[in-house]
C-alpha atoms as a PDB file:
ATOM      1  CA  MET A   1      17.981  24.459  23.285  1.00  0.00           C
ATOM      2  CA  ASN A   2      20.314  21.462  23.228  1.00  0.00           C
ATOM      3  CA  CYS A   3      19.329  17.787  23.315  1.00  0.00           C
ATOM      4  CA  ASN A   4      19.796  17.353  27.074  1.00  0.00           C
ATOM      5  CA  VAL A   5      17.737  20.455  27.794  1.00  0.00           C
ATOM      6  CA  ILE A   6      14.892  19.074  25.654  1.00  0.00           C
ATOM      7  CA  LYS A   7      15.046  15.773  27.513  1.00  0.00           C
ATOM      8  CA  ASP A   8      15.038  17.445  30.931  1.00  0.00           C
ATOM      9  CA  TYR A   9      12.321  19.883  29.959  1.00  0.00           C
ATOM     10  CA  CYS A  10      10.050  17.125  28.671  1.00  0.00           C
ATOM     11  CA  VAL A  11      10.506  15.084  31.833  1.00  0.00           C
ATOM     12  CA  ALA A  12       9.627  18.038  34.054  1.00  0.00           C
ATOM     13  CA  HIS A  13       6.928  19.683  31.927  1.00  0.00           C
ATOM     14  CA  ILE A  14       4.946  17.021  30.084  1.00  0.00           C
ATOM     15  CA  ASN A  15       1.774  19.063  29.893  1.00  0.00           C
ATOM     16  CA  PHE A  16       0.991  18.668  26.199  1.00  0.00           C
ATOM     17  CA  GLY A  17      -1.427  16.117  24.837  1.00  0.00           C
ATOM     18  CA  LEU A  18      -1.339  13.152  22.505  1.00  0.00           C
ATOM     19  CA  GLU A  19      -2.803  15.263  19.708  1.00  0.00           C
ATOM     20  CA  GLU A  20       0.180  17.614  19.718  1.00  0.00           C
ATOM     21  CA  LEU A  21       2.648  14.716  19.543  1.00  0.00           C
ATOM     22  CA  GLN A  22       0.714  13.065  16.708  1.00  0.00           C
ATOM     23  CA  ALA A  23       0.568  16.361  14.820  1.00  0.00           C
ATOM     24  CA  PHE A  24       4.309  16.948  15.054  1.00  0.00           C
ATOM     25  CA  VAL A  25       5.249  13.385  14.067  1.00  0.00           C
ATOM     26  CA  ALA A  26       2.860  13.452  11.097  1.00  0.00           C
ATOM     27  CA  VAL A  27       4.339  16.711   9.774  1.00  0.00           C
ATOM     28  CA  ALA A  28       7.911  15.555  10.454  1.00  0.00           C
ATOM     29  CA  GLU A  29       7.363  12.322   8.516  1.00  0.00           C
ATOM     30  CA  LYS A  30       5.400  13.811   5.624  1.00  0.00           C
ATOM     31  CA  LEU A  31       7.364  17.093   5.533  1.00  0.00           C
ATOM     32  CA  SER A  32       4.072  18.609   4.467  1.00  0.00           C
ATOM     33  CA  PHE A  33       1.333  20.219   6.547  1.00  0.00           C
ATOM     34  CA  ARG A  34      -1.261  19.414   3.880  1.00  0.00           C
ATOM     35  CA  ALA A  35      -0.372  15.713   3.711  1.00  0.00           C
ATOM     36  CA  ALA A  36      -0.142  15.465   7.499  1.00  0.00           C
ATOM     37  CA  ALA A  37      -3.548  17.116   7.900  1.00  0.00           C
ATOM     38  CA  GLU A  38      -5.052  14.574   5.492  1.00  0.00           C
ATOM     39  CA  GLU A  39      -3.392  11.787   7.470  1.00  0.00           C
ATOM     40  CA  LEU A  40      -4.954  13.005  10.728  1.00  0.00           C
ATOM     41  CA  PHE A  41      -8.288  14.041   9.169  1.00  0.00           C
ATOM     42  CA  ILE A  42      -8.048  17.623  10.417  1.00  0.00           C
ATOM     43  CA  SER A  43      -7.656  20.982   8.699  1.00  0.00           C
ATOM     44  CA  PRO A  44      -4.165  22.430   8.031  1.00  0.00           C
ATOM     45  CA  PRO A  45      -4.816  25.438  10.323  1.00  0.00           C
ATOM     46  CA  ALA A  46      -5.802  23.116  13.192  1.00  0.00           C
ATOM     47  CA  LEU A  47      -2.672  21.082  12.574  1.00  0.00           C
ATOM     48  CA  SER A  48      -0.502  24.208  12.627  1.00  0.00           C
ATOM     49  CA  ARG A  49      -2.014  25.254  15.952  1.00  0.00           C
ATOM     50  CA  ARG A  50      -1.152  21.887  17.495  1.00  0.00           C
ATOM     51  CA  VAL A  51       2.463  22.068  16.320  1.00  0.00           C
ATOM     52  CA  GLU A  52       2.793  25.671  17.486  1.00  0.00           C
ATOM     53  CA  LYS A  53       1.385  24.731  20.884  1.00  0.00           C
ATOM     54  CA  LEU A  54       3.955  21.941  21.234  1.00  0.00           C
ATOM     55  CA  GLU A  55       6.799  24.259  20.224  1.00  0.00           C
ATOM     56  CA  GLY A  56       5.580  26.858  22.696  1.00  0.00           C
ATOM     57  CA  LEU A  57       5.478  24.352  25.549  1.00  0.00           C
ATOM     58  CA  LEU A  58       8.935  23.040  24.694  1.00  0.00           C
ATOM     59  CA  GLY A  59      10.323  26.532  24.238  1.00  0.00           C
ATOM     60  CA  THR A  60      12.055  25.703  20.954  1.00  0.00           C
ATOM     61  CA  ARG A  61      11.299  25.559  17.234  1.00  0.00           C
ATOM     62  CA  LEU A  62      10.963  22.007  15.949  1.00  0.00           C
ATOM     63  CA  LEU A  63      10.186  22.799  12.317  1.00  0.00           C
ATOM     64  CA  ASN A  64      11.340  25.410   9.847  1.00  0.00           C
ATOM     65  CA  ARG A  65       8.574  26.053   7.358  1.00  0.00           C
ATOM     66  CA  ASN A  66       7.710  28.430   4.568  1.00  0.00           C
ATOM     67  CA  THR A  67       5.265  28.380   1.671  1.00  0.00           C
ATOM     68  CA  ARG A  68       7.397  25.866  -0.251  1.00  0.00           C
ATOM     69  CA  ARG A  69       8.934  23.401   2.174  1.00  0.00           C
ATOM     70  CA  VAL A  70       9.088  22.044   5.707  1.00  0.00           C
ATOM     71  CA  GLU A  71      12.341  21.026   7.405  1.00  0.00           C
ATOM     72  CA  LEU A  72      13.208  19.653  10.820  1.00  0.00           C
ATOM     73  CA  THR A  73      15.470  21.729  13.019  1.00  0.00           C
ATOM     74  CA  GLN A  74      18.242  20.019  14.994  1.00  0.00           C
ATOM     75  CA  SER A  75      15.984  20.060  18.060  1.00  0.00           C
ATOM     76  CA  GLY A  76      13.165  18.702  15.910  1.00  0.00           C
ATOM     77  CA  ARG A  77      15.258  15.736  14.733  1.00  0.00           C
ATOM     78  CA  VAL A  78      16.136  14.842  18.307  1.00  0.00           C
ATOM     79  CA  PHE A  79      12.583  15.258  19.544  1.00  0.00           C
ATOM     80  CA  LEU A  80      11.160  13.251  16.613  1.00  0.00           C
ATOM     81  CA  GLU A  81      12.902  10.069  17.743  1.00  0.00           C
ATOM     82  CA  ARG A  82      11.664  10.537  21.314  1.00  0.00           C
ATOM     83  CA  ALA A  83       8.149  11.326  20.129  1.00  0.00           C
ATOM     84  CA  ARG A  84       8.057   8.256  17.896  1.00  0.00           C
ATOM     85  CA  SER A  85       9.209   6.054  20.780  1.00  0.00           C
ATOM     86  CA  ALA A  86       6.567   7.514  23.080  1.00  0.00           C
ATOM     87  CA  LEU A  87       3.795   7.022  20.516  1.00  0.00           C
ATOM     88  CA  ASP A  88       4.936   3.487  19.728  1.00  0.00           C
ATOM     89  CA  GLU A  89       4.918   2.538  23.407  1.00  0.00           C
ATOM     90  CA  LEU A  90       1.453   3.999  23.829  1.00  0.00           C
ATOM     91  CA  GLU A  91       0.187   2.239  20.721  1.00  0.00           C
ATOM     92  CA  TYR A  92       1.497  -1.116  21.939  1.00  0.00           C
ATOM     93  CA  ALA A  93      -0.355  -0.515  25.199  1.00  0.00           C
ATOM     94  CA  VAL A  94      -3.559   0.431  23.383  1.00  0.00           C
ATOM     95  CA  LEU A  95      -3.363  -2.616  21.117  1.00  0.00           C
ATOM     96  CA  GLY A  96      -2.855  -4.831  24.151  1.00  0.00           C
ATOM     97  CA  VAL A  97      -6.057  -3.986  26.007  1.00  0.00           C
ATOM     98  CA  ASN A  98      -9.462  -5.507  25.406  1.00  0.00           C
ATOM     99  CA  ASP A  99     -11.924  -4.316  22.792  1.00  0.00           C
ATOM    100  CA  GLU A 100     -14.206  -2.567  25.274  1.00  0.00           C
ATOM    101  CA  SER A 101     -11.483  -0.135  26.369  1.00  0.00           C
ATOM    102  CA  ARG A 102      -9.695   0.276  23.053  1.00  0.00           C
ATOM    103  CA  HIS A 103      -9.850   3.799  21.654  1.00  0.00           C
ATOM    104  CA  ARG A 104      -9.321   5.189  18.197  1.00  0.00           C
ATOM    105  CA  TYR A 105      -5.625   5.793  17.863  1.00  0.00           C
ATOM    106  CA  SER A 106      -4.084   5.664  14.430  1.00  0.00           C
ATOM    107  CA  THR A 107      -4.374   5.215  10.699  1.00  0.00           C
ATOM    108  CA  VAL A 108      -2.395   2.728   8.637  1.00  0.00           C
ATOM    109  CA  THR A 109      -1.881   3.616   4.988  1.00  0.00           C
ATOM    110  CA  VAL A 110      -1.101   0.863   2.488  1.00  0.00           C
ATOM    111  CA  ALA A 111      -0.229   1.491  -1.153  1.00  0.00           C
ATOM    112  CA  CYS A 112      -0.740  -1.315  -3.666  1.00  0.00           C
ATOM    113  CA  VAL A 113      -1.345  -2.013  -7.313  1.00  0.00           C
ATOM    114  CA  PRO A 114      -5.078  -2.292  -8.165  1.00  0.00           C
ATOM    115  CA  SER A 115      -4.914  -6.026  -8.908  1.00  0.00           C
ATOM    116  CA  VAL A 116      -3.882  -6.634  -5.287  1.00  0.00           C
ATOM    117  CA  ALA A 117      -6.583  -4.327  -3.945  1.00  0.00           C
ATOM    118  CA  TYR A 118      -9.326  -6.092  -5.919  1.00  0.00           C
ATOM    119  CA  TYR A 119      -9.474  -9.552  -4.308  1.00  0.00           C
ATOM    120  CA  PHE A 120      -6.345 -10.128  -2.177  1.00  0.00           C
ATOM    121  CA  LEU A 121      -6.172  -7.229   0.262  1.00  0.00           C
ATOM    122  CA  PRO A 122      -9.847  -7.010   1.365  1.00  0.00           C
ATOM    123  CA  ALA A 123      -9.653 -10.373   3.147  1.00  0.00           C
ATOM    124  CA  VAL A 124      -6.632  -9.184   5.131  1.00  0.00           C
ATOM    125  CA  ILE A 125      -8.265  -5.849   5.975  1.00  0.00           C
ATOM    126  CA  ALA A 126     -11.387  -7.663   7.178  1.00  0.00           C
ATOM    127  CA  ARG A 127      -9.396  -9.753   9.676  1.00  0.00           C
ATOM    128  CA  PHE A 128      -7.351  -6.753  10.796  1.00  0.00           C
ATOM    129  CA  THR A 129     -10.496  -4.693  11.417  1.00  0.00           C
ATOM    130  CA  GLU A 130     -12.082  -7.559  13.315  1.00  0.00           C
ATOM    131  CA  HIS A 131      -9.197  -7.489  15.815  1.00  0.00           C
ATOM    132  CA  TYR A 132      -8.570  -3.723  15.779  1.00  0.00           C
ATOM    133  CA  PRO A 133     -11.896  -2.081  14.860  1.00  0.00           C
ATOM    134  CA  GLN A 134     -10.847   1.422  15.919  1.00  0.00           C
ATOM    135  CA  ILE A 135      -7.716   1.600  13.748  1.00  0.00           C
ATOM    136  CA  ARG A 136      -8.431   3.159  10.382  1.00  0.00           C
ATOM    137  CA  VAL A 137      -6.947   1.774   7.175  1.00  0.00           C
ATOM    138  CA  ARG A 138      -6.353   3.802   4.020  1.00  0.00           C
ATOM    139  CA  ILE A 139      -5.669   1.924   0.776  1.00  0.00           C
ATOM    140  CA  LEU A 140      -3.950   3.730  -2.098  1.00  0.00           C
ATOM    141  CA  ASP A 141      -4.584   1.546  -5.141  1.00  0.00           C
ATOM    142  CA  GLU A 142      -2.446   3.075  -7.855  1.00  0.00           C
ATOM    143  CA  SER A 143       0.043   2.292 -10.612  1.00  0.00           C
ATOM    144  CA  ALA A 144       3.240   0.426  -9.740  1.00  0.00           C
ATOM    145  CA  ASN A 145       5.445   3.519 -10.078  1.00  0.00           C
ATOM    146  CA  THR A 146       3.085   5.670  -8.027  1.00  0.00           C
ATOM    147  CA  VAL A 147       3.036   3.003  -5.314  1.00  0.00           C
ATOM    148  CA  LEU A 148       6.826   3.265  -5.022  1.00  0.00           C
ATOM    149  CA  ASN A 149       6.588   7.031  -4.732  1.00  0.00           C
ATOM    150  CA  ASP A 150       3.929   6.693  -2.033  1.00  0.00           C
ATOM    151  CA  VAL A 151       6.376   4.804   0.190  1.00  0.00           C
ATOM    152  CA  SER A 152       9.405   6.970  -0.647  1.00  0.00           C
ATOM    153  CA  SER A 153       7.459  10.162   0.094  1.00  0.00           C
ATOM    154  CA  ARG A 154       6.053   8.695   3.343  1.00  0.00           C
ATOM    155  CA  ARG A 155       2.511   8.960   2.023  1.00  0.00           C
ATOM    156  CA  ALA A 156       2.124   5.234   2.756  1.00  0.00           C
ATOM    157  CA  ASP A 157       3.443   3.193   5.679  1.00  0.00           C
ATOM    158  CA  PHE A 158       4.261   0.288   3.381  1.00  0.00           C
ATOM    159  CA  ALA A 159       3.274  -1.074  -0.008  1.00  0.00           C
ATOM    160  CA  ILE A 160       2.536  -4.236  -1.977  1.00  0.00           C
ATOM    161  CA  ASN A 161       4.078  -4.080  -5.428  1.00  0.00           C
ATOM    162  CA  PHE A 162       5.853  -6.106  -8.099  1.00  0.00           C
ATOM    163  CA  ILE A 163       8.565  -3.543  -8.815  1.00  0.00           C
ATOM    164  CA  GLY A 164      10.995  -1.890  -6.440  1.00  0.00           C
ATOM    165  CA  THR A 165      13.823  -4.398  -5.997  1.00  0.00           C
ATOM    166  CA  GLN A 166      16.342  -1.904  -7.385  1.00  0.00           C
ATOM    167  CA  GLU A 167      15.364   1.026  -5.158  1.00  0.00           C
ATOM    168  CA  GLN A 168      18.228   1.665  -2.735  1.00  0.00           C
ATOM    169  CA  GLU A 169      16.210   3.576  -0.145  1.00  0.00           C
ATOM    170  CA  LEU A 170      13.498   0.876   0.003  1.00  0.00           C
ATOM    171  CA  VAL A 171      13.368  -2.693   1.292  1.00  0.00           C
ATOM    172  CA  PHE A 172      11.604  -5.212  -0.969  1.00  0.00           C
ATOM    173  CA  GLU A 173      10.556  -8.450   0.771  1.00  0.00           C
ATOM    174  CA  PRO A 174       9.236 -11.041  -1.734  1.00  0.00           C
ATOM    175  CA  ILE A 175       6.064 -12.720  -0.508  1.00  0.00           C
ATOM    176  CA  PHE A 176       4.325 -14.245  -3.501  1.00  0.00           C
ATOM    177  CA  THR A 177       5.111 -15.331  -7.060  1.00  0.00           C
ATOM    178  CA  GLU A 178       2.021 -15.628  -9.185  1.00  0.00           C
ATOM    179  CA  PRO A 179       1.344 -16.512 -12.819  1.00  0.00           C
ATOM    180  CA  PHE A 180      -0.657 -14.533 -15.304  1.00  0.00           C
ATOM    181  CA  VAL A 181      -3.806 -16.467 -16.158  1.00  0.00           C
ATOM    182  CA  LEU A 182      -6.526 -16.084 -18.755  1.00  0.00           C
ATOM    183  CA  ALA A 183      -9.790 -14.641 -17.447  1.00  0.00           C
ATOM    184  CA  VAL A 184     -12.774 -15.680 -19.557  1.00  0.00           C
ATOM    185  CA  HIS A 185     -16.540 -15.649 -19.216  1.00  0.00           C
ATOM    186  CA  SER A 186     -17.997 -18.972 -18.081  1.00  0.00           C
ATOM    187  CA  SER A 187     -19.810 -19.284 -21.410  1.00  0.00           C
ATOM    188  CA  HIS A 188     -16.646 -18.769 -23.493  1.00  0.00           C
ATOM    189  CA  ARG A 189     -15.353 -21.673 -25.597  1.00  0.00           C
ATOM    190  CA  LEU A 190     -12.070 -21.697 -23.621  1.00  0.00           C
ATOM    191  CA  ALA A 191     -13.732 -21.764 -20.193  1.00  0.00           C
ATOM    192  CA  ARG A 192     -13.514 -25.570 -19.906  1.00  0.00           C
ATOM    193  CA  ARG A 193      -9.874 -25.777 -20.948  1.00  0.00           C
ATOM    194  CA  ARG A 194      -7.222 -26.422 -18.276  1.00  0.00           C
ATOM    195  CA  LYS A 195      -4.594 -24.477 -20.187  1.00  0.00           C
ATOM    196  CA  VAL A 196      -4.205 -22.484 -23.360  1.00  0.00           C
ATOM    197  CA  ARG A 197      -1.184 -21.377 -25.381  1.00  0.00           C
ATOM    198  CA  TRP A 198      -0.684 -17.694 -26.095  1.00  0.00           C
ATOM    199  CA  GLU A 199      -0.700 -18.277 -29.855  1.00  0.00           C
ATOM    200  CA  GLU A 200      -4.229 -19.728 -29.551  1.00  0.00           C
ATOM    201  CA  LEU A 201      -5.442 -16.275 -28.535  1.00  0.00           C
ATOM    202  CA  GLU A 202      -4.394 -14.703 -31.825  1.00  0.00           C
ATOM    203  CA  ARG A 203      -7.995 -14.288 -33.005  1.00  0.00           C
ATOM    204  CA  GLU A 204      -9.524 -13.466 -29.631  1.00  0.00           C
ATOM    205  CA  ARG A 205     -10.632 -10.006 -28.572  1.00  0.00           C
ATOM    206  CA  LEU A 206      -7.967  -9.351 -25.968  1.00  0.00           C
ATOM    207  CA  ILE A 207      -8.728  -6.801 -23.240  1.00  0.00           C
ATOM    208  CA  THR A 208      -5.605  -5.158 -21.789  1.00  0.00           C
ATOM    209  CA  VAL A 209      -4.519  -2.433 -19.428  1.00  0.00           C
ATOM    210  CA  GLY A 210      -2.778   0.627 -20.863  1.00  0.00           C
ATOM    211  CA  LYS A 211       0.812   0.584 -22.130  1.00  0.00           C
ATOM    212  CA  SER A 212       2.018   2.600 -19.137  1.00  0.00           C
ATOM    213  CA  SER A 213       0.855  -0.117 -16.728  1.00  0.00           C
ATOM    214  CA  GLY A 214       3.570  -2.211 -15.079  1.00  0.00           C
ATOM    215  CA  ASN A 215       1.599  -5.375 -15.872  1.00  0.00           C
ATOM    216  CA  ARG A 216       1.379  -4.413 -19.538  1.00  0.00           C
ATOM    217  CA  VAL A 217       5.116  -3.718 -19.722  1.00  0.00           C
ATOM    218  CA  LEU A 218       5.862  -7.092 -18.123  1.00  0.00           C
ATOM    219  CA  LEU A 219       3.562  -8.961 -20.545  1.00  0.00           C
ATOM    220  CA  ASP A 220       4.781  -7.166 -23.663  1.00  0.00           C
ATOM    221  CA  SER A 221       8.391  -7.875 -22.732  1.00  0.00           C
ATOM    222  CA  ALA A 222       7.721 -11.586 -22.120  1.00  0.00           C
ATOM    223  CA  LEU A 223       5.770 -11.949 -25.383  1.00  0.00           C
ATOM    224  CA  ALA A 224       8.257 -10.083 -27.553  1.00  0.00           C
ATOM    225  CA  GLN A 225       9.524 -13.314 -29.141  1.00  0.00           C
ATOM    226  CA  VAL A 226       6.079 -14.884 -29.673  1.00  0.00           C
ATOM    227  CA  SER A 227       5.316 -14.694 -33.388  1.00  0.00           C
ATOM    228  CA  ARG A 228       1.557 -15.301 -33.218  1.00  0.00           C
ATOM    229  CA  ARG A 229       0.570 -13.117 -30.320  1.00  0.00           C
ATOM    230  CA  PRO A 230      -2.803 -11.517 -29.606  1.00  0.00           C
ATOM    231  CA  THR A 231      -3.302  -7.798 -30.064  1.00  0.00           C
ATOM    232  CA  SER A 232      -5.229  -5.478 -27.793  1.00  0.00           C
ATOM    233  CA  PHE A 233      -8.855  -4.882 -28.812  1.00  0.00           C
ATOM    234  CA  PHE A 234     -10.081  -3.029 -25.706  1.00  0.00           C
ATOM    235  CA  GLU A 235      -7.817  -1.023 -23.413  1.00  0.00           C
ATOM    236  CA  VAL A 236      -8.593   0.142 -19.859  1.00  0.00           C
ATOM    237  CA  SER A 237      -6.681   1.701 -16.973  1.00  0.00           C
ATOM    238  CA  HIS A 238      -7.297  -0.806 -14.178  1.00  0.00           C
ATOM    239  CA  VAL A 239      -7.586  -4.580 -13.845  1.00  0.00           C
ATOM    240  CA  SER A 240     -10.954  -4.219 -12.082  1.00  0.00           C
ATOM    241  CA  SER A 241     -12.351  -2.455 -15.185  1.00  0.00           C
ATOM    242  CA  LEU A 242     -10.786  -5.109 -17.377  1.00  0.00           C
ATOM    243  CA  LEU A 243     -12.546  -7.916 -15.481  1.00  0.00           C
ATOM    244  CA  GLY A 244     -15.818  -6.036 -15.747  1.00  0.00           C
ATOM    245  CA  LEU A 245     -15.559  -6.179 -19.532  1.00  0.00           C
ATOM    246  CA  VAL A 246     -14.779  -9.904 -19.385  1.00  0.00           C
ATOM    247  CA  GLU A 247     -17.926 -10.433 -17.306  1.00  0.00           C
ATOM    248  CA  LEU A 248     -19.894  -8.749 -20.095  1.00  0.00           C
ATOM    249  CA  CYS A 249     -18.522 -11.275 -22.635  1.00  0.00           C
ATOM    250  CA  LEU A 250     -16.640  -8.565 -24.522  1.00  0.00           C
ATOM    251  CA  GLY A 251     -13.382 -10.513 -24.691  1.00  0.00           C
ATOM    252  CA  VAL A 252     -10.679 -12.316 -22.729  1.00  0.00           C
ATOM    253  CA  ALA A 253      -7.872 -10.944 -20.590  1.00  0.00           C
ATOM    254  CA  ALA A 254      -4.496 -11.984 -19.169  1.00  0.00           C
ATOM    255  CA  VAL A 255      -4.461 -11.003 -15.498  1.00  0.00           C
ATOM    256  CA  PRO A 256      -2.383 -11.761 -12.393  1.00  0.00           C
ATOM    257  CA  LYS A 257      -3.865 -14.731 -10.541  1.00  0.00           C
ATOM    258  CA  LEU A 258      -4.444 -12.655  -7.401  1.00  0.00           C
ATOM    259  CA  ALA A 259      -6.774 -10.381  -9.338  1.00  0.00           C
ATOM    260  CA  LEU A 260      -9.329 -13.192  -9.546  1.00  0.00           C
ATOM    261  CA  PRO A 261     -11.573 -14.398  -6.691  1.00  0.00           C
ATOM    262  CA  ILE A 262     -10.371 -17.412  -4.696  1.00  0.00           C
ATOM    263  CA  SER A 263     -13.657 -19.346  -4.755  1.00  0.00           C
ATOM    264  CA  ASN A 264     -15.797 -20.257  -7.736  1.00  0.00           C
ATOM    265  CA  HIS A 265     -17.159 -17.178  -9.446  1.00  0.00           C
ATOM    266  CA  MET A 266     -20.534 -17.090 -11.174  1.00  0.00           C
ATOM    267  CA  THR A 267     -19.190 -15.683 -14.447  1.00  0.00           C
ATOM    268  CA  LEU A 268     -15.376 -15.466 -14.344  1.00  0.00           C
ATOM    269  CA  LYS A 269     -13.283 -18.542 -15.116  1.00  0.00           C
ATOM    270  CA  GLU A 270      -9.512 -18.952 -14.905  1.00  0.00           C
ATOM    271  CA  VAL A 271      -7.414 -20.836 -17.471  1.00  0.00           C
ATOM    272  CA  ARG A 272      -3.638 -21.440 -17.291  1.00  0.00           C
ATOM    273  CA  LEU A 273      -1.576 -19.543 -19.870  1.00  0.00           C
ATOM    274  CA  VAL A 274       1.459 -21.406 -21.235  1.00  0.00           C
ATOM    275  CA  GLU A 275       4.158 -21.141 -23.873  1.00  0.00           C
ATOM    276  CA  PRO A 276       5.327 -18.936 -22.324  1.00  0.00           C
ATOM    277  CA  THR A 277       4.295 -19.054 -18.683  1.00  0.00           C
ATOM    278  CA  ILE A 278       4.610 -15.494 -17.370  1.00  0.00           C
ATOM    279  CA  THR A 279       4.911 -14.703 -13.672  1.00  0.00           C
ATOM    280  CA  ARG A 280       5.440 -11.700 -11.428  1.00  0.00           C
ATOM    281  CA  THR A 281       6.801 -11.536  -7.882  1.00  0.00           C
ATOM    282  CA  LEU A 282       4.945  -9.409  -5.373  1.00  0.00           C
ATOM    283  CA  GLY A 283       6.752  -7.972  -2.402  1.00  0.00           C
ATOM    284  CA  LEU A 284       6.161  -5.880   0.666  1.00  0.00           C
ATOM    285  CA  ILE A 285       7.975  -2.556   0.443  1.00  0.00           C
ATOM    286  CA  CYS A 286       8.945  -0.217   3.252  1.00  0.00           C
ATOM    287  CA  ARG A 287      11.520   2.486   3.851  1.00  0.00           C
ATOM    288  CA  LYS A 288      15.000   1.274   4.745  1.00  0.00           C
ATOM    289  CA  GLY A 289      16.036   2.012   8.321  1.00  0.00           C
ATOM    290  CA  MET A 290      12.581   3.244   9.369  1.00  0.00           C
ATOM    291  CA  PRO A 291      10.618   0.784  11.536  1.00  0.00           C
ATOM    292  CA  LEU A 292       6.881   0.590  11.057  1.00  0.00           C
ATOM    293  CA  SER A 293       4.454   1.738  13.707  1.00  0.00           C
ATOM    294  CA  PRO A 294       2.999  -1.116  15.808  1.00  0.00           C
ATOM    295  CA  ALA A 295      -0.349  -1.008  13.973  1.00  0.00           C
ATOM    296  CA  ALA A 296       1.332  -0.932  10.552  1.00  0.00           C
ATOM    297  CA  GLN A 297       3.624  -3.807  11.573  1.00  0.00           C
ATOM    298  CA  ILE A 298       0.635  -5.930  12.576  1.00  0.00           C
ATOM    299  CA  LEU A 299      -1.059  -5.339   9.216  1.00  0.00           C
ATOM    300  CA  TYR A 300       2.246  -5.955   7.417  1.00  0.00           C
ATOM    301  CA  ASP A 301       2.565  -9.350   9.147  1.00  0.00           C
ATOM    302  CA  MET A 302      -1.044 -10.236   8.343  1.00  0.00           C
ATOM    303  CA  VAL A 303      -0.406  -9.547   4.648  1.00  0.00           C
ATOM    304  CA  LYS A 304       2.589 -11.896   4.783  1.00  0.00           C
ATOM    305  CA  ALA A 305       0.465 -14.593   6.441  1.00  0.00           C
ATOM    306  CA  GLU A 306      -2.208 -14.273   3.755  1.00  0.00           C
ATOM    307  CA  ALA A 307       0.466 -14.605   1.043  1.00  0.00           C
ATOM    308  CA  VAL A 308       1.721 -17.838   2.660  1.00  0.00           C
ATOM    309  CA  LYS A 309      -1.861 -19.104   2.691  1.00  0.00           C
ATOM    310  CA  ARG A 310      -2.304 -18.311  -1.012  1.00  0.00           C
ATOM    311  CA  ASN A 311       1.019 -20.025  -1.849  1.00  0.00           C
ATOM    312  CA  ARG A 312      -0.166 -23.361  -0.472  1.00  0.00           C
END
């Protein structure tokens, strides 16, 4: 069936439902029935039935699949663009009506490093959910390298990360440059200081993330020339765990500023780290040449707005 036949057939015989279109687009973008089923919160067999129903109604195979891989046919590639356009138009319409008549429509998946997920992203998600309560949001808080893979593999719509500027298939839009600061317990001797030099931490019990962490690599590289540098006493996998140890007075930690709460915290205090001052640049990452869905674009823009607010 050629492209014009598909177009004519769809115009004359649009008797499939939204679920079938969503199923096909999810599989076509993920190139995996398992991942697409997770995206739509249905079982793989149910997903297969929806795709098979759509193919039967169209009278052509859209996907070639076996036990190892899924590929789009020529007809599938043509139909994918039309299906995306149709879903986008419908989603814009759904997002434009009032709350009383808004129905559950989609899921937006955001990948980010854990330090962003801890205090920065929840405020954005709260505002997004207030406006669009029926749109589900999935947050993949993982290592910096895994976050990149999440976007490249289409597991996430977009990501917030501090690496990815060199990836040719991805677009990295810088939104926020933040310093690493010292997180200490409010009772610690350094809690009342405005700033502290790295060499002053030589005798402190420093809590760090593991050596495979992007933050750890960045810090170790920046401190390579510092002669009196602190050494790791406790090591954890995530910044959230690291801050938990600080709250128990077990040591101090160098963390990205966004990992700390905005307002005054009962036990955590922030102190500037200098000589050297170490920063990282966060950016929004998406796939090059692939526009976001309307819901994902709205959340993307809200993240940018929150970053501008934090930069003030």
